Amino acid sequence: MPVPTPTMADTPFSPAHRAAPPSRLPAVGTTIFTVMSALATQCGAINLGQGFPDFDPDPALLEAATRAMREGHNQYPPMAGVPALREALADKIAQLYGCRYDPAEEITITAGATQALLTALLAIVHPGDEVIALTPAYDSYAPAVALAGGRLREVPLDAELRPDFAAIAAAIGPRTRALIVNTPHNPSGRVWSADEMLQLAELLEPTDVVLIADEVYEHMVYDGQRHHSAASDPRLAARSFVVSSFGKTYHVTGWKVGMVAAPQPLMREFRKVHQFNVFTVNTPMQWALADYLRSTPQAHLGLGAFYQARRDRFRAGLAATRLRLLPCEGTYFQCVDYRDVSDLDEPRFCEWLTREIGVAAIPLGAFESVPDTRRRIARFCFAKREATLDAALQRLARL
């Protein structure tokens, strides 16, 4: 007679031994993006919540990935990334922003931008250090600071969702290790001006604060504006981790490939952590991206016009509803004030919108630890096919 295999429930541990250890992130649950995407699927709603395209990338990029695999690029690449990709990036950054990074020592390929942000924080933040983030902010910042043992200081953006430099200056103290700046800004869609970047450089100049520049939407800027990278100002570049995303730029978010550029002293510390949390990144995709950057160097230059057309189509449709459009200068997110439609708070409105109207959105309060309960703002993603946007607008016309 076969002996039954014991299960975990049969193991003679006391209940105390079975308990989970104390959480490193006790206040963190499932992200709002996962929650709203699941609700959209459950309700058959059009998902304009989570920020990913529903269209394919350039076939030439897919072919480059297939070719890389067939040519045998399937084993570990160098820890910092495929040299050809780092070299192509160094040339691109120099051309766009006038800053020449050493591809061997100052550029690292990462497993997406979120890993780059976490690794940068783990590399420089010590227990008790403070990190300033401007809120509302991308929801990975706070958990990343906590995992590094730091304390997050949230500085609210002003009423127009622009930086408040007096508030930033007041927040900087002897324990401030880093400041996280995101432009073009998720979730608001605002883009920092040249003057604001100049003010930032002047504010940080007398300090030792490290700047973590989250620039993943760098090529999605509209209406003739420009993205002003931290790499464009030598004073900022000298103290910055500049983070970007191939997934956002080339419509391949599922590839999870990003990059970080930083001066050698900062990059040396970054790579110490990087080699032990991911070591390196998907090899054939790196070769494909290197090939694509060299063969199609203009691809990113058309991204602003590509997404502006979608933004304009979506805004024109929303203008026929009672939703009030907020400025969208960059990214692929459109925020709306819905107070003329409903007095529900933001989470309940977005749930109602998903269930009853059939379109999923994200509450702005999901990007803050203490949401403003008086505000009534939701965020839509317009990185979708025109047919998807038109179908969503047809449903939203009921508002």
Protein backbone atom coordinates (compact mmCIF):
# COMPACT_ATOMS: atom_id res chain seq x y z
CA MET A 1 0.00 0.00 0.00
CA PRO A 2 1.54 3.35 -0.98
CA VAL A 3 2.53 5.67 1.82
CA PRO A 4 0.67 9.02 1.54
CA THR A 5 2.86 12.04 1.01
CA PRO A 6 2.62 14.38 3.99
CA THR A 7 1.28 17.87 3.32
CA MET A 8 2.20 21.12 5.01
CA ALA A 9 -0.94 20.76 7.12
CA ASP A 10 0.43 17.44 8.46
CA THR A 11 3.74 18.97 9.53
CA PRO A 12 3.97 19.02 13.35
CA PHE A 13 4.66 22.73 13.73
CA SER A 14 2.83 24.87 16.23
CA PRO A 15 0.55 27.63 14.85
CA ALA A 16 3.21 30.14 15.86
CA HIS A 17 5.72 28.42 13.60
CA ARG A 18 3.27 28.55 10.70
CA ALA A 19 2.67 32.28 11.02
CA ALA A 20 4.17 34.60 8.42
CA PRO A 21 7.11 36.68 9.62
CA PRO A 22 6.52 40.37 10.31
CA SER A 23 5.89 42.19 7.05
CA ARG A 24 8.48 44.54 5.56
CA LEU A 25 5.57 46.39 3.94
CA PRO A 26 2.67 46.11 6.41
CA ALA A 27 0.64 48.91 4.81
CA VAL A 28 0.97 47.58 1.25
CA GLY A 29 -1.67 45.46 -0.42
CA THR A 30 -2.40 44.62 -4.05
CA THR A 31 -1.76 47.60 -6.32
CA ILE A 32 -4.71 49.63 -7.59
CA PHE A 33 -3.68 48.75 -11.15
CA THR A 34 -4.09 45.05 -10.51
CA VAL A 35 -7.37 45.62 -8.66
CA MET A 36 -8.90 47.80 -11.38
CA SER A 37 -7.68 45.57 -14.22
CA ALA A 38 -9.24 42.54 -12.52
CA LEU A 39 -12.49 44.45 -12.01
CA ALA A 40 -12.46 45.54 -15.66
CA THR A 41 -12.09 41.92 -16.76
CA GLN A 42 -14.84 40.79 -14.38
CA CYS A 43 -17.24 43.48 -15.65
CA GLY A 44 -16.30 43.34 -19.33
CA ALA A 45 -15.19 46.96 -19.09
CA ILE A 46 -12.75 48.73 -21.39
CA ASN A 47 -9.54 49.02 -19.41
CA LEU A 48 -8.26 52.60 -19.54
CA GLY A 49 -6.79 52.21 -16.07
CA GLN A 50 -3.49 50.37 -16.29
CA GLY A 51 -0.89 52.10 -18.44
CA PHE A 52 -0.06 49.76 -21.30
CA PRO A 53 -0.77 49.85 -25.07
CA ASP A 54 -3.25 47.46 -26.66
CA PHE A 55 -1.43 47.58 -30.02
CA ASP A 56 1.68 45.88 -31.33
CA PRO A 57 5.18 47.33 -31.58
CA ASP A 58 7.02 47.91 -34.84
CA PRO A 59 7.33 44.54 -36.66
CA ALA A 60 10.99 45.38 -37.30
CA LEU A 61 11.62 45.30 -33.54
CA LEU A 62 9.90 41.93 -33.19
CA GLU A 63 11.92 40.58 -36.08
CA ALA A 64 15.12 41.84 -34.44
CA ALA A 65 14.22 39.91 -31.26
CA THR A 66 13.55 36.73 -33.24
CA ARG A 67 16.79 37.17 -35.14
CA ALA A 68 18.74 37.66 -31.91
CA MET A 69 17.42 34.38 -30.53
CA ARG A 70 18.14 32.51 -33.73
CA GLU A 71 21.67 33.91 -33.81
CA GLY A 72 22.36 32.43 -30.40
CA HIS A 73 22.03 35.44 -28.07
CA ASN A 74 20.31 33.38 -25.40
CA GLN A 75 22.78 33.18 -22.52
CA TYR A 76 23.80 35.68 -19.85
CA PRO A 77 24.97 39.02 -21.20
CA PRO A 78 27.41 41.22 -19.25
CA MET A 79 26.01 42.30 -15.89
CA ALA A 80 25.64 45.95 -16.94
CA GLY A 81 23.99 45.07 -20.23
CA VAL A 82 24.87 44.31 -23.84
CA PRO A 83 27.68 46.74 -24.81
CA ALA A 84 26.11 47.57 -28.17
CA LEU A 85 22.92 48.70 -26.44
CA ARG A 86 24.76 50.83 -23.88
CA GLU A 87 26.80 52.42 -26.66
CA ALA A 88 23.67 53.21 -28.68
CA LEU A 89 22.08 54.75 -25.59
CA ALA A 90 25.15 56.88 -24.87
CA ASP A 91 24.94 58.28 -28.41
CA LYS A 92 21.20 58.89 -28.14
CA ILE A 93 21.46 60.71 -24.78
CA ALA A 94 24.35 62.84 -26.03
CA GLN A 95 22.37 63.82 -29.13
CA LEU A 96 19.17 64.61 -27.23
CA TYR A 97 20.49 66.18 -24.05
CA GLY A 98 24.13 67.10 -24.63
CA CYS A 99 25.47 64.86 -21.88
CA ARG A 100 28.02 62.18 -22.83
CA TYR A 101 27.87 59.16 -20.52
CA ASP A 102 30.57 56.49 -20.63
CA PRO A 103 28.70 53.39 -21.83
CA ALA A 104 31.14 51.09 -20.03
CA GLU A 105 30.90 52.74 -16.61
CA GLU A 106 27.85 55.01 -16.52
CA ILE A 107 24.92 53.21 -18.22
CA THR A 108 23.23 50.05 -16.96
CA ILE A 109 20.36 48.08 -18.52
CA THR A 110 17.68 47.15 -16.00
CA ALA A 111 14.69 44.84 -15.72
CA GLY A 112 12.31 47.73 -16.30
CA ALA A 113 12.30 51.22 -14.86
CA THR A 114 10.72 50.14 -11.56
CA GLN A 115 13.71 47.91 -10.85
CA ALA A 116 16.02 50.80 -11.72
CA LEU A 117 14.23 53.06 -9.22
CA LEU A 118 14.33 50.43 -6.45
CA THR A 119 17.97 49.61 -7.10
CA ALA A 120 18.98 53.28 -7.02
CA LEU A 121 17.29 53.71 -3.65
CA LEU A 122 18.78 50.51 -2.22
CA ALA A 123 22.20 51.69 -3.40
CA ILE A 124 22.22 55.04 -1.61
CA VAL A 125 19.63 55.08 1.18
CA HIS A 126 20.67 54.05 4.69
CA PRO A 127 18.33 53.35 7.62
CA GLY A 128 16.92 56.62 8.87
CA ASP A 129 17.65 58.58 5.69
CA GLU A 130 14.85 60.66 4.21
CA VAL A 131 13.72 60.61 0.60
CA ILE A 132 11.47 63.35 -0.79
CA ALA A 133 8.81 62.50 -3.35
CA LEU A 134 6.39 64.95 -4.93
CA THR A 135 2.83 63.68 -4.65
CA PRO A 136 0.71 62.41 -6.25
CA ALA A 137 3.46 60.02 -7.34
CA TYR A 138 4.00 56.65 -8.99
CA ASP A 139 3.07 54.08 -6.40
CA SER A 140 6.38 52.18 -6.33
CA TYR A 141 8.29 55.04 -4.69
CA ALA A 142 7.02 54.64 -1.15
CA PRO A 143 7.52 50.85 -0.89
CA ALA A 144 10.99 51.16 -2.44
CA VAL A 145 12.03 53.77 0.13
CA ALA A 146 10.66 51.58 2.93
CA LEU A 147 12.55 48.51 1.69
CA ALA A 148 15.73 50.58 1.70
CA GLY A 149 15.11 51.48 5.33
CA GLY A 150 14.42 55.11 4.57
CA ARG A 151 11.62 57.48 5.47
CA LEU A 152 9.52 59.01 2.71
CA ARG A 153 8.69 62.71 2.97
CA GLU A 154 5.79 63.54 0.70
CA VAL A 155 5.70 67.08 -0.68
CA PRO A 156 2.41 67.81 -2.45
CA LEU A 157 2.44 69.39 -5.88
CA ASP A 158 0.57 72.67 -6.00
CA ALA A 159 -3.09 73.11 -6.98
CA GLU A 160 -2.11 72.99 -10.65
CA LEU A 161 -0.06 69.81 -10.05
CA ARG A 162 3.21 71.68 -10.57
CA PRO A 163 6.28 71.66 -8.27
CA ASP A 164 6.14 73.87 -5.17
CA PHE A 165 9.79 74.84 -4.70
CA ALA A 166 9.23 76.59 -1.38
CA ALA A 167 7.72 73.37 -0.01
CA ILE A 168 10.56 71.28 -1.46
CA ALA A 169 13.14 73.58 0.11
CA ALA A 170 11.37 73.39 3.47
CA ALA A 171 11.40 69.57 3.32
CA ILE A 172 15.16 69.28 2.76
CA GLY A 173 16.99 68.64 6.00
CA PRO A 174 20.14 67.03 7.38
CA ARG A 175 18.73 63.51 6.84
CA THR A 176 17.64 64.09 3.22
CA ARG A 177 19.42 61.58 1.01
CA ALA A 178 17.46 61.81 -2.22
CA LEU A 179 14.71 63.59 -4.13
CA ILE A 180 12.58 61.74 -6.69
CA VAL A 181 11.35 63.85 -9.61
CA ASN A 182 9.08 62.50 -12.34
CA THR A 183 8.68 64.41 -15.60
CA PRO A 184 6.67 63.97 -17.77
CA HIS A 185 4.55 63.26 -14.73
CA ASN A 186 2.46 60.21 -14.00
CA PRO A 187 -0.39 60.57 -13.07
CA SER A 188 -1.02 64.24 -13.90
CA GLY A 189 0.42 64.49 -17.43
CA ARG A 190 2.24 67.72 -16.54
CA VAL A 191 5.73 68.40 -17.94
CA TRP A 192 8.38 70.37 -16.09
CA SER A 193 9.50 73.54 -17.85
CA ALA A 194 13.08 74.62 -18.48
CA ASP A 195 12.65 77.25 -15.77
CA GLU A 196 11.45 74.66 -13.26
CA MET A 197 14.47 72.45 -13.98
CA LEU A 198 16.68 75.51 -13.52
CA GLN A 199 15.04 76.23 -10.16
CA LEU A 200 15.62 72.61 -9.18
CA ALA A 201 19.33 72.81 -10.04
CA GLU A 202 19.71 76.02 -8.04
CA LEU A 203 17.81 74.57 -5.07
CA LEU A 204 19.95 71.41 -4.91
CA GLU A 205 23.30 73.05 -5.71
CA PRO A 206 24.33 73.75 -2.07
CA THR A 207 23.21 70.27 -0.93
CA ASP A 208 24.43 66.67 -1.25
CA VAL A 209 20.95 65.44 -2.20
CA VAL A 210 20.93 62.77 -4.91
CA LEU A 211 18.34 63.28 -7.63
CA ILE A 212 16.44 60.26 -8.94
CA ALA A 213 14.98 61.45 -12.24
CA ASP A 214 12.12 59.22 -13.40
CA GLU A 215 11.89 60.09 -17.11
CA VAL A 216 10.14 57.05 -18.53
CA TYR A 217 7.74 59.19 -20.62
CA GLU A 218 10.57 61.36 -21.99
CA HIS A 219 9.44 61.07 -25.62
CA MET A 220 5.73 61.70 -24.99
CA VAL A 221 5.56 65.50 -24.90
CA TYR A 222 2.97 67.53 -26.80
CA ASP A 223 2.04 70.87 -28.32
CA GLY A 224 5.58 71.85 -29.26
CA GLN A 225 6.96 71.51 -25.75
CA ARG A 226 10.25 69.76 -24.95
CA HIS A 227 11.28 67.29 -22.32
CA HIS A 228 13.99 68.84 -20.14
CA SER A 229 16.04 65.94 -18.82
CA ALA A 230 18.15 66.07 -15.69
CA ALA A 231 20.93 65.04 -18.07
CA SER A 232 20.58 68.40 -19.84
CA ASP A 233 21.92 70.42 -16.89
CA PRO A 234 25.49 69.52 -15.84
CA ARG A 235 24.71 70.44 -12.23
CA LEU A 236 21.82 68.00 -12.11
CA ALA A 237 23.51 65.31 -14.20
CA ALA A 238 26.40 65.20 -11.72
CA ARG A 239 24.05 64.14 -8.91
CA SER A 240 21.41 62.16 -10.79
CA PHE A 241 20.26 58.68 -11.60
CA VAL A 242 18.36 59.24 -14.87
CA VAL A 243 15.86 56.43 -15.47
CA SER A 244 13.97 55.58 -18.65
CA SER A 245 12.01 52.71 -20.19
CA PHE A 246 12.25 50.88 -23.50
CA GLY A 247 8.84 49.38 -22.77
CA LYS A 248 7.16 52.79 -22.75
CA THR A 249 9.08 54.11 -25.75
CA TYR A 250 8.66 51.12 -28.08
CA HIS A 251 5.26 49.73 -26.95
CA VAL A 252 6.78 46.61 -25.35
CA THR A 253 5.92 47.01 -21.66
CA GLY A 254 5.92 43.24 -21.22
CA TRP A 255 9.59 43.01 -22.14
CA LYS A 256 10.43 44.82 -18.87
CA VAL A 257 13.63 46.45 -20.08
CA GLY A 258 14.74 49.85 -18.79
CA MET A 259 17.93 51.82 -18.32
CA VAL A 260 19.68 54.10 -15.89
CA ALA A 261 22.45 56.61 -16.56
CA ALA A 262 24.51 58.14 -13.77
CA PRO A 263 28.02 59.48 -13.11
CA GLN A 264 30.53 56.80 -12.24
CA PRO A 265 30.52 57.21 -8.42
CA LEU A 266 26.76 56.74 -8.32
CA MET A 267 26.75 53.98 -10.92
CA ARG A 268 29.40 52.05 -9.04
CA GLU A 269 27.06 51.82 -6.04
CA PHE A 270 24.07 51.07 -8.28
CA ARG A 271 25.80 48.09 -9.88
CA LYS A 272 26.75 46.65 -6.50
CA VAL A 273 23.05 46.20 -5.80
CA HIS A 274 21.99 45.44 -9.38
CA GLN A 275 24.28 42.40 -9.61
CA PHE A 276 22.58 40.80 -6.62
CA ASN A 277 18.93 41.60 -7.23
CA VAL A 278 18.63 40.79 -10.96
CA PHE A 279 22.27 40.47 -12.08
CA THR A 280 21.33 41.09 -15.69
CA VAL A 281 18.44 41.42 -18.15
CA ASN A 282 16.84 39.43 -20.98
CA THR A 283 19.61 38.93 -23.55
CA PRO A 284 17.81 38.65 -26.93
CA MET A 285 15.64 41.67 -26.14
CA GLN A 286 18.75 43.73 -25.42
CA TRP A 287 20.29 42.73 -28.74
CA ALA A 288 17.00 43.53 -30.49
CA LEU A 289 16.82 46.97 -28.90
CA ALA A 290 20.45 47.68 -29.81
CA ASP A 291 19.75 46.68 -33.41
CA TYR A 292 16.59 48.81 -33.50
CA LEU A 293 18.27 51.88 -32.02
CA ARG A 294 20.93 51.72 -34.72
CA SER A 295 18.68 50.81 -37.65
CA THR A 296 15.71 53.01 -36.73
CA PRO A 297 17.20 55.90 -34.74
CA GLN A 298 14.29 58.19 -35.58
CA ALA A 299 11.62 55.91 -34.02
CA HIS A 300 11.41 57.80 -30.73
CA LEU A 301 11.21 61.15 -32.55
CA GLY A 302 7.71 60.39 -33.83
CA LEU A 303 6.34 59.26 -30.50
CA GLY A 304 5.08 62.68 -29.45
CA ALA A 305 3.01 63.14 -32.60
CA PHE A 306 1.83 59.53 -32.45
CA TYR A 307 0.40 59.89 -28.95
CA GLN A 308 -0.73 63.49 -29.36
CA ALA A 309 -3.11 62.32 -32.09
CA ARG A 310 -4.60 59.82 -29.65
CA ARG A 311 -4.71 62.40 -26.88
CA ASP A 312 -6.51 64.89 -29.11
CA ARG A 313 -9.02 62.28 -30.29
CA PHE A 314 -9.73 61.23 -26.70
CA ARG A 315 -9.97 64.79 -25.37
CA ALA A 316 -12.35 65.77 -28.15
CA GLY A 317 -14.65 62.92 -27.17
CA LEU A 318 -14.43 63.69 -23.45
CA ALA A 319 -15.27 67.33 -24.12
CA ALA A 320 -18.78 66.19 -25.06
CA THR A 321 -19.30 64.78 -21.54
CA ARG A 322 -19.61 66.48 -18.16
CA LEU A 323 -16.06 65.45 -17.28
CA ARG A 324 -13.75 68.46 -16.97
CA LEU A 325 -10.45 67.99 -18.77
CA LEU A 326 -7.24 68.77 -16.91
CA PRO A 327 -4.07 69.72 -18.82
CA CYS A 328 -2.19 66.89 -20.52
CA GLU A 329 1.24 68.08 -21.65
CA GLY A 330 2.89 64.66 -21.77
CA THR A 331 2.69 60.92 -20.89
CA TYR A 332 -0.23 58.87 -22.15
CA PHE A 333 -2.55 59.73 -19.27
CA GLN A 334 -5.49 62.11 -19.18
CA CYS A 335 -6.89 63.28 -15.85
CA VAL A 336 -10.45 64.52 -15.49
CA ASP A 337 -12.37 66.29 -12.74
CA TYR A 338 -15.68 64.45 -12.42
CA ARG A 339 -17.41 66.58 -9.75
CA ASP A 340 -20.15 67.59 -12.23
CA VAL A 341 -20.95 63.90 -12.71
CA SER A 342 -20.79 62.50 -9.18
CA ASP A 343 -19.93 63.32 -5.60
CA LEU A 344 -18.62 59.83 -4.91
CA ASP A 345 -15.05 59.75 -3.61
CA GLU A 346 -12.39 58.75 -6.10
CA PRO A 347 -12.15 54.99 -5.39
CA ARG A 348 -15.93 54.54 -5.33
CA PHE A 349 -16.40 56.61 -8.49
CA CYS A 350 -13.83 54.55 -10.41
CA GLU A 351 -15.50 51.35 -9.25
CA TRP A 352 -18.91 52.72 -10.28
CA LEU A 353 -17.52 53.84 -13.62
CA THR A 354 -16.14 50.35 -14.26
CA ARG A 355 -19.28 48.49 -13.20
CA GLU A 356 -22.01 50.78 -14.52
CA ILE A 357 -20.46 52.61 -17.48
CA GLY A 358 -18.01 49.91 -18.54
CA VAL A 359 -14.79 51.94 -18.56
CA ALA A 360 -12.01 51.45 -16.00
CA ALA A 361 -10.02 54.40 -14.65
CA ILE A 362 -7.65 54.97 -11.72
CA PRO A 363 -8.43 57.28 -8.77
CA LEU A 364 -5.82 60.01 -8.33
CA GLY A 365 -5.74 59.27 -4.61
CA ALA A 366 -4.11 55.91 -5.38
CA PHE A 367 -0.92 57.89 -5.95
CA GLU A 368 -0.83 59.34 -2.42
CA SER A 369 -0.52 57.86 1.06
CA VAL A 370 -3.16 60.28 2.38
CA PRO A 371 -5.56 61.14 -0.46
CA ASP A 372 -7.36 64.47 -0.55
CA THR A 373 -10.93 63.38 0.13
CA ARG A 374 -12.31 66.69 -1.20
CA ARG A 375 -10.84 66.17 -4.67
CA ARG A 376 -12.70 64.41 -7.50
CA ILE A 377 -10.14 63.37 -10.12
CA ALA A 378 -9.70 60.15 -12.11
CA ARG A 379 -6.97 59.12 -14.58
CA PHE A 380 -7.47 57.47 -17.97
CA CYS A 381 -4.81 55.87 -20.19
CA PHE A 382 -5.10 56.71 -23.90
CA ALA A 383 -2.28 54.43 -25.12
CA LYS A 384 -4.89 52.44 -26.99
CA ARG A 385 -6.02 51.70 -30.52
CA GLU A 386 -8.36 54.30 -31.97
CA ALA A 387 -11.14 51.71 -32.00
CA THR A 388 -10.63 51.10 -28.27
CA LEU A 389 -10.73 54.83 -27.50
CA ASP A 390 -13.84 55.31 -29.65
CA ALA A 391 -15.61 52.43 -27.91
CA ALA A 392 -14.72 53.87 -24.50
CA LEU A 393 -15.91 57.33 -25.54
CA GLN A 394 -19.20 55.89 -26.74
CA ARG A 395 -19.76 54.51 -23.23
CA LEU A 396 -18.53 57.65 -21.50
CA ALA A 397 -20.97 59.73 -23.58
CA ARG A 398 -23.62 58.56 -21.10
CA LEU A 399 -22.05 60.74 -18.40
